[in-house]
Structure formats: C-alpha cells, structure tokens
Amino acid sequence: MINKKEFHIQTKVGVYRVRIWWDKVDKAYLVKAVTLPGVVTFGASLADAKRMAKDAIELYGECLRRTSLCPPHEHCSERESKRNY
C-alpha cells in the first residue's frame, strides 16, 4: 500500500493541498496537486518535492493568468471555476 500524505503548500497564488508519496520504482517523492488538474511533479527528497510543487503550482497559475482563466481554488467563485473548465 502506498502511503500518500497531504500537505498545504503556500504559493504566491494561494495555498494548495498536494499529496506526496515515495515511489520505490522511480526512487523519488511524487507529487499531485489535489485541486489542479494535471499538476504533477517529483523530488529527490521531501523538501525538494515540496519546492517543486510550489514551482509547478505557481507556473500553472501564471499560465492561467496569461489566458485569463481563474485557477480552481477557494478564492474563485463556483461560477468562475465552472466557466473555465
């Protein structure tokens, strides 16, 4: 059984939940943002995985801003999130 732990990552676009777990095959900590579709990354250590998660989330937010979309998080209204996805 894979032991996935949940963390809150503070970014310049807000606080996001991520799941991080150790993958024996890849020999790395894998990361998936809970509310951001397609935001996945990895790190050699837990601290590295958290840094990579922060970078990936901020890049995702920047891409959405450049396309005038609102990232799906608590600060978006339900109407905005549904409109953009």
N, C-alpha and C. Protein backbone atom coordinates (compact mmCIF):
# COMPACT_ATOMS: atom_id res chain seq x y z
N MET A 1 0.82 -1.18 0.00
CA MET A 1 0.00 0.00 0.00
C MET A 1 0.87 1.25 0.00
N ILE A 2 0.51 2.22 -0.82
CA ILE A 2 1.26 3.47 -0.91
C ILE A 2 0.75 4.43 0.15
N ASN A 3 1.67 4.99 0.92
CA ASN A 3 1.32 5.92 1.98
C ASN A 3 1.40 7.35 1.44
N LYS A 4 0.26 7.89 0.99
CA LYS A 4 0.20 9.26 0.47
C LYS A 4 -0.13 10.20 1.62
N LYS A 5 0.69 11.24 1.75
CA LYS A 5 0.45 12.24 2.79
C LYS A 5 0.04 13.55 2.13
N GLU A 6 -0.82 14.28 2.82
CA GLU A 6 -1.31 15.53 2.29
C GLU A 6 -0.61 16.70 2.99
N PHE A 7 -0.22 17.69 2.20
CA PHE A 7 0.44 18.89 2.70
C PHE A 7 -0.23 20.11 2.12
N HIS A 8 -0.12 21.24 2.82
CA HIS A 8 -0.58 22.52 2.30
C HIS A 8 0.65 23.30 1.85
N ILE A 9 0.64 23.73 0.61
CA ILE A 9 1.77 24.44 0.03
C ILE A 9 1.38 25.90 -0.17
N GLN A 10 2.14 26.81 0.45
CA GLN A 10 1.91 28.24 0.29
C GLN A 10 2.62 28.71 -0.98
N THR A 11 1.87 29.33 -1.88
CA THR A 11 2.44 29.86 -3.11
C THR A 11 2.03 31.32 -3.25
N LYS A 12 2.56 32.00 -4.25
CA LYS A 12 2.17 33.40 -4.46
C LYS A 12 0.76 33.51 -5.03
N VAL A 13 0.16 32.39 -5.44
CA VAL A 13 -1.22 32.41 -5.95
C VAL A 13 -2.21 31.80 -4.97
N GLY A 14 -1.77 31.45 -3.78
CA GLY A 14 -2.65 30.90 -2.76
C GLY A 14 -2.07 29.66 -2.10
N VAL A 15 -2.86 29.07 -1.24
CA VAL A 15 -2.45 27.85 -0.53
C VAL A 15 -3.17 26.68 -1.20
N TYR A 16 -2.41 25.64 -1.53
CA TYR A 16 -2.97 24.48 -2.23
C TYR A 16 -2.59 23.20 -1.51
N ARG A 17 -3.50 22.23 -1.56
CA ARG A 17 -3.24 20.91 -1.00
C ARG A 17 -2.57 20.05 -2.06
N VAL A 18 -1.55 19.32 -1.63
CA VAL A 18 -0.89 18.36 -2.51
C VAL A 18 -0.77 17.03 -1.79
N ARG A 19 -0.70 15.97 -2.55
CA ARG A 19 -0.42 14.64 -1.99
C ARG A 19 0.99 14.27 -2.43
N ILE A 20 1.76 13.80 -1.47
CA ILE A 20 3.15 13.41 -1.74
C ILE A 20 3.37 12.00 -1.22
N TRP A 21 4.03 11.19 -2.02
CA TRP A 21 4.34 9.82 -1.61
C TRP A 21 5.65 9.38 -2.24
N TRP A 22 6.28 8.41 -1.58
CA TRP A 22 7.54 7.85 -2.07
C TRP A 22 7.22 6.74 -3.06
N ASP A 23 7.86 6.78 -4.21
CA ASP A 23 7.68 5.74 -5.23
C ASP A 23 8.97 4.91 -5.30
N LYS A 24 8.86 3.63 -4.98
CA LYS A 24 10.03 2.76 -4.96
C LYS A 24 10.63 2.56 -6.35
N VAL A 25 9.79 2.49 -7.37
CA VAL A 25 10.27 2.26 -8.73
C VAL A 25 11.05 3.47 -9.23
N ASP A 26 10.48 4.66 -9.09
CA ASP A 26 11.14 5.88 -9.55
C ASP A 26 12.20 6.38 -8.57
N LYS A 27 12.17 5.87 -7.35
CA LYS A 27 13.08 6.31 -6.29
C LYS A 27 13.02 7.83 -6.13
N ALA A 28 11.78 8.32 -6.00
CA ALA A 28 11.55 9.76 -5.86
C ALA A 28 10.22 9.98 -5.13
N TYR A 29 10.08 11.16 -4.58
CA TYR A 29 8.81 11.58 -4.00
C TYR A 29 7.96 12.15 -5.12
N LEU A 30 6.79 11.57 -5.32
CA LEU A 30 5.88 12.03 -6.36
C LEU A 30 4.85 12.96 -5.74
N VAL A 31 4.43 13.96 -6.51
CA VAL A 31 3.53 15.00 -6.01
C VAL A 31 2.37 15.18 -6.98
N LYS A 32 1.17 15.31 -6.42
CA LYS A 32 -0.02 15.63 -7.23
C LYS A 32 -0.79 16.70 -6.50
N ALA A 33 -1.09 17.81 -7.20
CA ALA A 33 -1.93 18.86 -6.62
C ALA A 33 -3.37 18.36 -6.60
N VAL A 34 -4.03 18.47 -5.47
CA VAL A 34 -5.36 17.90 -5.29
C VAL A 34 -6.40 18.57 -6.18
N THR A 35 -6.40 19.89 -6.27
CA THR A 35 -7.46 20.60 -6.99
C THR A 35 -7.04 21.14 -8.35
N LEU A 36 -5.81 20.88 -8.76
CA LEU A 36 -5.32 21.43 -10.03
C LEU A 36 -5.07 20.28 -11.01
N PRO A 37 -5.92 20.14 -12.01
CA PRO A 37 -5.78 19.03 -12.95
C PRO A 37 -4.45 19.07 -13.71
N GLY A 38 -3.76 17.96 -13.70
CA GLY A 38 -2.52 17.84 -14.46
C GLY A 38 -1.28 18.39 -13.79
N VAL A 39 -1.40 18.94 -12.58
CA VAL A 39 -0.22 19.46 -11.89
C VAL A 39 0.41 18.33 -11.09
N VAL A 40 1.47 17.79 -11.64
CA VAL A 40 2.23 16.71 -11.00
C VAL A 40 3.71 17.03 -11.14
N THR A 41 4.48 16.57 -10.17
CA THR A 41 5.93 16.78 -10.21
C THR A 41 6.58 15.75 -9.30
N PHE A 42 7.87 15.90 -9.04
CA PHE A 42 8.58 14.96 -8.18
C PHE A 42 9.79 15.64 -7.57
N GLY A 43 10.39 15.00 -6.58
CA GLY A 43 11.61 15.49 -5.97
C GLY A 43 12.41 14.35 -5.38
N ALA A 44 13.71 14.58 -5.24
CA ALA A 44 14.60 13.56 -4.68
C ALA A 44 14.39 13.41 -3.17
N SER A 45 13.99 14.48 -2.51
CA SER A 45 13.70 14.46 -1.07
C SER A 45 12.32 15.06 -0.85
N LEU A 46 11.81 14.93 0.35
CA LEU A 46 10.50 15.50 0.66
C LEU A 46 10.55 17.02 0.51
N ALA A 47 11.61 17.65 1.00
CA ALA A 47 11.75 19.10 0.89
C ALA A 47 11.82 19.52 -0.58
N ASP A 48 12.55 18.76 -1.38
CA ASP A 48 12.66 19.05 -2.82
C ASP A 48 11.31 18.89 -3.50
N ALA A 49 10.56 17.88 -3.12
CA ALA A 49 9.23 17.65 -3.71
C ALA A 49 8.30 18.82 -3.38
N LYS A 50 8.38 19.34 -2.17
CA LYS A 50 7.55 20.48 -1.78
C LYS A 50 7.93 21.73 -2.57
N ARG A 51 9.24 21.95 -2.76
CA ARG A 51 9.69 23.10 -3.57
C ARG A 51 9.22 22.96 -5.01
N MET A 52 9.31 21.76 -5.54
CA MET A 52 8.88 21.52 -6.92
C MET A 52 7.37 21.71 -7.04
N ALA A 53 6.62 21.32 -6.02
CA ALA A 53 5.17 21.51 -6.03
C ALA A 53 4.85 23.00 -6.07
N LYS A 54 5.53 23.78 -5.26
CA LYS A 54 5.32 25.22 -5.24
C LYS A 54 5.59 25.81 -6.62
N ASP A 55 6.70 25.44 -7.22
CA ASP A 55 7.04 25.94 -8.56
C ASP A 55 6.00 25.54 -9.60
N ALA A 56 5.57 24.28 -9.56
CA ALA A 56 4.59 23.79 -10.54
C ALA A 56 3.26 24.51 -10.39
N ILE A 57 2.82 24.73 -9.16
CA ILE A 57 1.55 25.41 -8.92
C ILE A 57 1.63 26.87 -9.38
N GLU A 58 2.74 27.52 -9.07
CA GLU A 58 2.89 28.92 -9.49
C GLU A 58 2.95 29.03 -11.01
N LEU A 59 3.61 28.12 -11.67
CA LEU A 59 3.66 28.12 -13.14
C LEU A 59 2.27 27.89 -13.71
N TYR A 60 1.53 26.96 -13.13
CA TYR A 60 0.15 26.69 -13.55
C TYR A 60 -0.69 27.96 -13.44
N GLY A 61 -0.57 28.64 -12.29
CA GLY A 61 -1.31 29.88 -12.07
C GLY A 61 -0.92 30.95 -13.06
N GLU A 62 0.37 31.06 -13.36
CA GLU A 62 0.84 32.04 -14.35
C GLU A 62 0.27 31.75 -15.73
N CYS A 63 0.24 30.50 -16.11
CA CYS A 63 -0.32 30.11 -17.42
C CYS A 63 -1.81 30.46 -17.49
N LEU A 64 -2.53 30.21 -16.40
CA LEU A 64 -3.95 30.54 -16.38
C LEU A 64 -4.17 32.05 -16.45
N ARG A 65 -3.34 32.81 -15.73
CA ARG A 65 -3.47 34.27 -15.77
C ARG A 65 -3.23 34.79 -17.18
N ARG A 66 -2.26 34.23 -17.86
CA ARG A 66 -1.94 34.69 -19.22
C ARG A 66 -3.06 34.37 -20.21
N THR A 67 -3.87 33.38 -19.87
CA THR A 67 -5.00 33.03 -20.74
C THR A 67 -6.33 33.51 -20.15
N SER A 68 -6.24 34.36 -19.12
CA SER A 68 -7.41 34.96 -18.47
C SER A 68 -8.35 33.95 -17.83
N LEU A 69 -7.83 32.86 -17.34
CA LEU A 69 -8.63 31.86 -16.64
C LEU A 69 -8.34 31.96 -15.15
N CYS A 70 -9.26 31.56 -14.35
CA CYS A 70 -9.11 31.59 -12.91
C CYS A 70 -8.72 30.19 -12.43
N PRO A 71 -7.63 30.06 -11.65
CA PRO A 71 -7.28 28.73 -11.14
C PRO A 71 -8.34 28.21 -10.18
N PRO A 72 -8.62 26.91 -10.21
CA PRO A 72 -9.65 26.36 -9.33
C PRO A 72 -9.18 26.25 -7.88
N HIS A 73 -9.49 27.23 -7.08
CA HIS A 73 -9.19 27.15 -5.65
C HIS A 73 -10.24 27.95 -4.90
N GLU A 74 -10.10 28.03 -3.61
CA GLU A 74 -11.13 28.61 -2.77
C GLU A 74 -11.46 30.05 -3.10
N HIS A 75 -10.54 30.79 -3.70
CA HIS A 75 -10.76 32.20 -3.97
C HIS A 75 -11.59 32.43 -5.23
N CYS A 76 -11.79 31.43 -6.06
CA CYS A 76 -12.63 31.55 -7.25
C CYS A 76 -14.07 31.25 -6.87
N SER A 77 -14.95 31.93 -7.51
CA SER A 77 -16.35 31.58 -7.30
C SER A 77 -16.64 30.28 -8.05
N GLU A 78 -17.66 29.59 -7.64
CA GLU A 78 -18.04 28.34 -8.31
C GLU A 78 -18.35 28.60 -9.78
N ARG A 79 -19.00 29.73 -10.05
CA ARG A 79 -19.36 30.09 -11.42
C ARG A 79 -18.10 30.27 -12.28
N GLU A 80 -17.07 30.95 -11.74
CA GLU A 80 -15.84 31.17 -12.50
C GLU A 80 -15.14 29.85 -12.80
N SER A 81 -15.06 28.97 -11.80
CA SER A 81 -14.38 27.69 -12.00
C SER A 81 -15.09 26.84 -13.04
N LYS A 82 -16.43 26.81 -13.00
CA LYS A 82 -17.18 26.02 -13.98
C LYS A 82 -17.04 26.61 -15.38
N ARG A 83 -17.00 27.92 -15.47
CA ARG A 83 -16.87 28.58 -16.77
C ARG A 83 -15.53 28.25 -17.42
N ASN A 84 -14.49 28.13 -16.61
CA ASN A 84 -13.15 27.98 -17.15
C ASN A 84 -12.72 26.53 -17.35
N TYR A 85 -13.52 25.55 -16.89
CA TYR A 85 -13.08 24.16 -17.03
C TYR A 85 -14.17 23.30 -17.60
